[in-house]
Amino acid sequence: MSLAGVLPPLLLLLPAAAGGPWAAWMPPSIAGLEGTCVLLPCRFDYPEELRPAAVHGLWYFGSPYPKSYPPVVARSRPGGPVHESFQGRARLLGPPAARDCSLLLTGLSPELAGRYYFRGDLGGYNQYSFSEHATLEVTAEPSLELPAELVAGAEAEATCRVPDNCPGLGPTLGWAGAEGLPGAAAAAARPEEGPGGSRALVARLRFRPRPADAGRRLACRAAFANASLAFEAAVALDVQYAPEVEAVEGPAEAVEGAAVELGCAAGGRPPPRLAWLRAGQLLGEAAGGRLALRLPRAAPAHAGTYVCVAENRHGRHNRSLELRVRYPPRAPVVNGSAVVAAGEAAAVACGAEGDPAPWVRLLRGGRVVAAAPEPRVTLELAAARPEDAGEYLCLAENRYGRRATAFNLTVEFAPVVLPASRCTAAGGAVQCVCAVAASPPPAVAFELPSRNVTVGPGAAAFAFAPGTRDGGDGDRGGGGGGDNPPGGVTVTALLTLRDALEPRLAVLCAARNARGAAARQLRFHHPDGLVWAKVGPVGAVVAFAVVIAVVCYVSQSRRKKAAGSPEAPPPPGPGGDPRNGQAERRTAPPEPPEYAEIRLP
């Protein structure tokens, strides 16, 4: 059988020989399926001037040089030796005289794969081994090709290629596993020709894979109509796709000090890189499908939105988790002025942080004076009074604990001379006590108008009583009396007079601070029976008679003056204006009626 009769189209691909130098034309590579055949088309040429009587040829395997003793595949000269591997499986089809060197190989097996060389024999020394050669590939299955990367949602094309170089044995191609692939469309198989006349049948399948198609088995099948031979090539689809955070795990809230673990799981191909972020700050990252974030001791600063981000070269995805950290109240903070003048408005606010928001109360002496079911409360005084001064406690409380902060409210007021202030005569001396309440603490002194003298700190006769103390709730003035203002500071000063004293002695208690000044003439106190003990029983009777006479004389004088000049005002009696707590200042000042006169013994 001639090559022209078997496969004319292949011969047309080779250049026509018209005489020239030694040359050969054949496909550089050719393929065939195991168990089928391959027709290797070949033409050669030699110099025209040789004009040989007969032309023969032979094929070598692996090397073109006879001195290397390569296996002989086939020869045109009958009776020549052929390597046992090719006996009955290789035949030189074309007549060499027609410059046709085509070779037919049947029963293909892997050991036949390799390089094939042709040698022309024109007789005598006119023999030539061509360096051109064909490489045979023997395959066990079709060639199934996919893109280097299948990306979910992107159109892809699978190519199935099977050799078609066996005359009379044409293959058919089909697909398996393409059912359900989105957009799957198979094109009819078409023949393709390679350089030198090698032929193949090619089928193509277009589709758009999904992430769920990862691992799907896709196969290409080759069958032959006139044979029981069947071949299949299969591949598992490696579908690449953008990541997706499938779950974020962790508590929605935690108690301060507790251990907390947040988990993140994501899918993607290639496996994504995971990262935990909060407020844009990277807290941890790792490659793989899971990432845990551990907080050994939860703190309020750890509260916030945690974001798990999954990323690979195809995209990124994230999911978030909100963490709330519960904690007991922090120490309350006091805002506002804790010093106010009496009569002025005051506002002192107290607030505390905590989760849940604490309930804040203001207490004074164990009594609630202001409260609010919120983290802030304000003590408001429209007109501060001295008795409002003192220590307050700001208490914040929630179900996780309580905290308190104490503060003092100071109400400043001008000095007030307390009723405890008085003078006492005893044993030939006079001791005066001056008790003054004020805020801020006042400067205290004694004034002796008759002597035009002020006695204050530094004088030998002046001293502070050791009982001086701060005022507070209730009567803390130390002197009793209903007009003793609470709050502020009570200062008690002592004056001791021991030298010769004038019969009538006036002593004033004077005090001053930044809020004002006050002065008050002190009352003289007689211990029971003190005067009568000095003069004795007879002297007491005489003194009583004198007092009666004086009273009668004064009464008669007033009646006469009233009868003689009824419109004239009565002379000021002792003490002057009874509405004034202090005697009028005249050349001979009268005694105030509420102050007793004392005569020194």
Foldseek 3Di string as FASTA:
>chain_A
DAPCVQDVVLVVQDDAEDADDWDKFWAQEAEAEAQFKFKTWMFIHHHPVVPFPAKKKWKFFPDQDCVVVGATQEIPDPPDDGDPVRVVFKYQRHGCVSRTRMMMGGNDDQVPFGKMWMWMDRDDPPIGTHPRIYTYHYHNAWDWDWPPAAEAQDKTKIKTKHWDRGGPWGKAKDKPQCPPFAPWDKDGWDKDADPRGTIMIMIMIMGHHHPVQQQGKMKMKIDTDVDPDIHMDIDGDHYFYWKEWPDKDWDQEEEFFAKTKIKTFMDGPVFWKKFKDFPRDTDDIDTHGMDMDIDNGDDQVPFGKIKMKTGDPRGIYIDIGGYGYFYWKDEKDKDFDLEEEFFAKGKIKIFIDGVVFWWKFKDDPNHTPWTDRGRMIMDIDRGDFQQPWDKMKIWTGDPRGIHIDIDTRAYFAWKDWDLLWAWEDDDQKIKTKTKIFGPPDKFKWKAWVVVRDIGGPPDPQKDWDPLWDFFYHDQPSVRDDPPRGGGGTITMMMGMGRDDDDFFTWMKMKIGDPRGIDIAIHAYDYDPCPVCVVQDDVSVVVVVVVVVVVVVVVVVVVVVVCVPDVPDDDDADAQRDLVDRHWDDDPDTGHRPVHDGGGRD
